[in-house]
Amino acid sequence: MRMEKNKLPKSLRKHIRSEKARIRRGVLDLQKQTELIGDMYKKISATHQKKQQKPADKQDNIISAAAGKVLLVKR
């Protein structure tokens, strides 16, 4: 069985690729390039993780609300 990783959407991967190219064209210092690219990845991963967590929280709220309604009906 293969375990699937959470892949980034194709549009986001294209954006990352173009931003990396822009950084590499604009900055000559290799150390500064790696620093800027690393910061970009940190920002993207933080926002991507937040977006991944929102649907789960929403679903938990729906389930708990449904469970509350069932408890009210049974009483």
C-alpha atoms as a PDB file:
ATOM      1  CA  MET A   1       0.000   0.000   0.000  1.00  0.00           C
ATOM      2  CA  ARG A   2       1.273   3.449  -0.897  1.00  0.00           C
ATOM      3  CA  MET A   3       0.872   6.296   1.504  1.00  0.00           C
ATOM      4  CA  GLU A   4      -0.081   9.513  -0.200  1.00  0.00           C
ATOM      5  CA  LYS A   5       1.521  12.740   0.886  1.00  0.00           C
ATOM      6  CA  ASN A   6      -0.363  15.989   0.949  1.00  0.00           C
ATOM      7  CA  LYS A   7       0.676  17.440  -2.361  1.00  0.00           C
ATOM      8  CA  LEU A   8       0.602  21.098  -3.104  1.00  0.00           C
ATOM      9  CA  PRO A   9      -1.829  22.172  -5.811  1.00  0.00           C
ATOM     10  CA  LYS A  10      -0.396  22.497  -9.298  1.00  0.00           C
ATOM     11  CA  SER A  11      -0.979  26.251  -9.355  1.00  0.00           C
ATOM     12  CA  LEU A  12       0.985  26.685  -6.122  1.00  0.00           C
ATOM     13  CA  ARG A  13       3.840  24.557  -7.445  1.00  0.00           C
ATOM     14  CA  LYS A  14       3.964  26.775 -10.564  1.00  0.00           C
ATOM     15  CA  HIS A  15       4.029  29.870  -8.352  1.00  0.00           C
ATOM     16  CA  ILE A  16       6.902  28.459  -6.293  1.00  0.00           C
ATOM     17  CA  ARG A  17       8.856  27.627  -9.427  1.00  0.00           C
ATOM     18  CA  SER A  18       8.429  31.125 -10.856  1.00  0.00           C
ATOM     19  CA  GLU A  19       9.294  32.807  -7.544  1.00  0.00           C
ATOM     20  CA  LYS A  20      12.460  30.732  -7.200  1.00  0.00           C
ATOM     21  CA  ALA A  21      13.465  31.735 -10.725  1.00  0.00           C
ATOM     22  CA  ARG A  22      12.770  35.393  -9.944  1.00  0.00           C
ATOM     23  CA  ILE A  23      14.912  35.197  -6.786  1.00  0.00           C
ATOM     24  CA  ARG A  24      17.742  33.479  -8.639  1.00  0.00           C
ATOM     25  CA  ARG A  25      17.698  36.112 -11.404  1.00  0.00           C
ATOM     26  CA  GLY A  26      17.521  39.068  -9.045  1.00  0.00           C
ATOM     27  CA  VAL A  27      19.959  38.092  -6.286  1.00  0.00           C
ATOM     28  CA  LEU A  28      23.588  37.292  -7.044  1.00  0.00           C
ATOM     29  CA  ASP A  29      24.668  36.183  -3.559  1.00  0.00           C
ATOM     30  CA  LEU A  30      24.093  32.406  -3.233  1.00  0.00           C
ATOM     31  CA  GLN A  31      23.677  32.529   0.534  1.00  0.00           C
ATOM     32  CA  LYS A  32      21.040  35.265   0.223  1.00  0.00           C
ATOM     33  CA  GLN A  33      19.254  33.223  -2.469  1.00  0.00           C
ATOM     34  CA  THR A  34      18.971  30.154  -0.240  1.00  0.00           C
ATOM     35  CA  GLU A  35      17.792  32.334   2.641  1.00  0.00           C
ATOM     36  CA  LEU A  36      15.064  33.995   0.554  1.00  0.00           C
ATOM     37  CA  ILE A  37      13.916  30.683  -0.938  1.00  0.00           C
ATOM     38  CA  GLY A  38      13.825  29.099   2.536  1.00  0.00           C
ATOM     39  CA  ASP A  39      11.718  31.978   3.864  1.00  0.00           C
ATOM     40  CA  MET A  40       9.358  31.587   0.913  1.00  0.00           C
ATOM     41  CA  TYR A  41       8.895  27.880   1.652  1.00  0.00           C
ATOM     42  CA  LYS A  42       8.237  28.603   5.344  1.00  0.00           C
ATOM     43  CA  LYS A  43       5.510  31.124   4.479  1.00  0.00           C
ATOM     44  CA  ILE A  44       3.886  28.824   1.946  1.00  0.00           C
ATOM     45  CA  SER A  45       3.943  25.782   4.223  1.00  0.00           C
ATOM     46  CA  ALA A  46       2.440  27.783   7.095  1.00  0.00           C
ATOM     47  CA  THR A  47      -0.458  29.040   4.976  1.00  0.00           C
ATOM     48  CA  HIS A  48      -0.971  25.629   3.362  1.00  0.00           C
ATOM     49  CA  GLN A  49      -1.173  23.938   6.786  1.00  0.00           C
ATOM     50  CA  LYS A  50      -3.734  26.486   7.979  1.00  0.00           C
ATOM     51  CA  LYS A  51      -5.882  25.812   4.924  1.00  0.00           C
ATOM     52  CA  GLN A  52      -5.611  22.068   5.495  1.00  0.00           C
ATOM     53  CA  GLN A  53      -6.780  22.405   9.127  1.00  0.00           C
ATOM     54  CA  LYS A  54      -9.845  24.560   8.478  1.00  0.00           C
ATOM     55  CA  PRO A  55     -12.024  21.887   6.817  1.00  0.00           C
ATOM     56  CA  ALA A  56     -11.305  19.443   9.655  1.00  0.00           C
ATOM     57  CA  ASP A  57     -12.350  22.003  12.272  1.00  0.00           C
ATOM     58  CA  LYS A  58     -15.473  22.795  10.296  1.00  0.00           C
ATOM     59  CA  GLN A  59     -16.373  19.120  10.057  1.00  0.00           C
ATOM     60  CA  ASP A  60     -15.839  18.628  13.805  1.00  0.00           C
ATOM     61  CA  ASN A  61     -18.245  21.490  14.468  1.00  0.00           C
ATOM     62  CA  ILE A  62     -20.836  19.966  12.150  1.00  0.00           C
ATOM     63  CA  ILE A  63     -20.505  16.555  13.790  1.00  0.00           C
ATOM     64  CA  SER A  64     -20.740  17.955  17.314  1.00  0.00           C
ATOM     65  CA  ALA A  65     -23.758  20.067  16.317  1.00  0.00           C
ATOM     66  CA  ALA A  66     -25.435  17.000  14.816  1.00  0.00           C
ATOM     67  CA  ALA A  67     -24.666  14.990  17.955  1.00  0.00           C
ATOM     68  CA  GLY A  68     -26.186  17.760  20.074  1.00  0.00           C
ATOM     69  CA  LYS A  69     -29.384  17.663  18.011  1.00  0.00           C
ATOM     70  CA  VAL A  70     -29.588  13.894  18.392  1.00  0.00           C
ATOM     71  CA  LEU A  71     -29.213  14.222  22.153  1.00  0.00           C
ATOM     72  CA  LEU A  72     -31.967  16.830  22.247  1.00  0.00           C
ATOM     73  CA  VAL A  73     -34.296  14.619  20.246  1.00  0.00           C
ATOM     74  CA  LYS A  74     -33.692  11.582  22.494  1.00  0.00           C
ATOM     75  CA  ARG A  75     -34.503  13.482  25.701  1.00  0.00           C
END
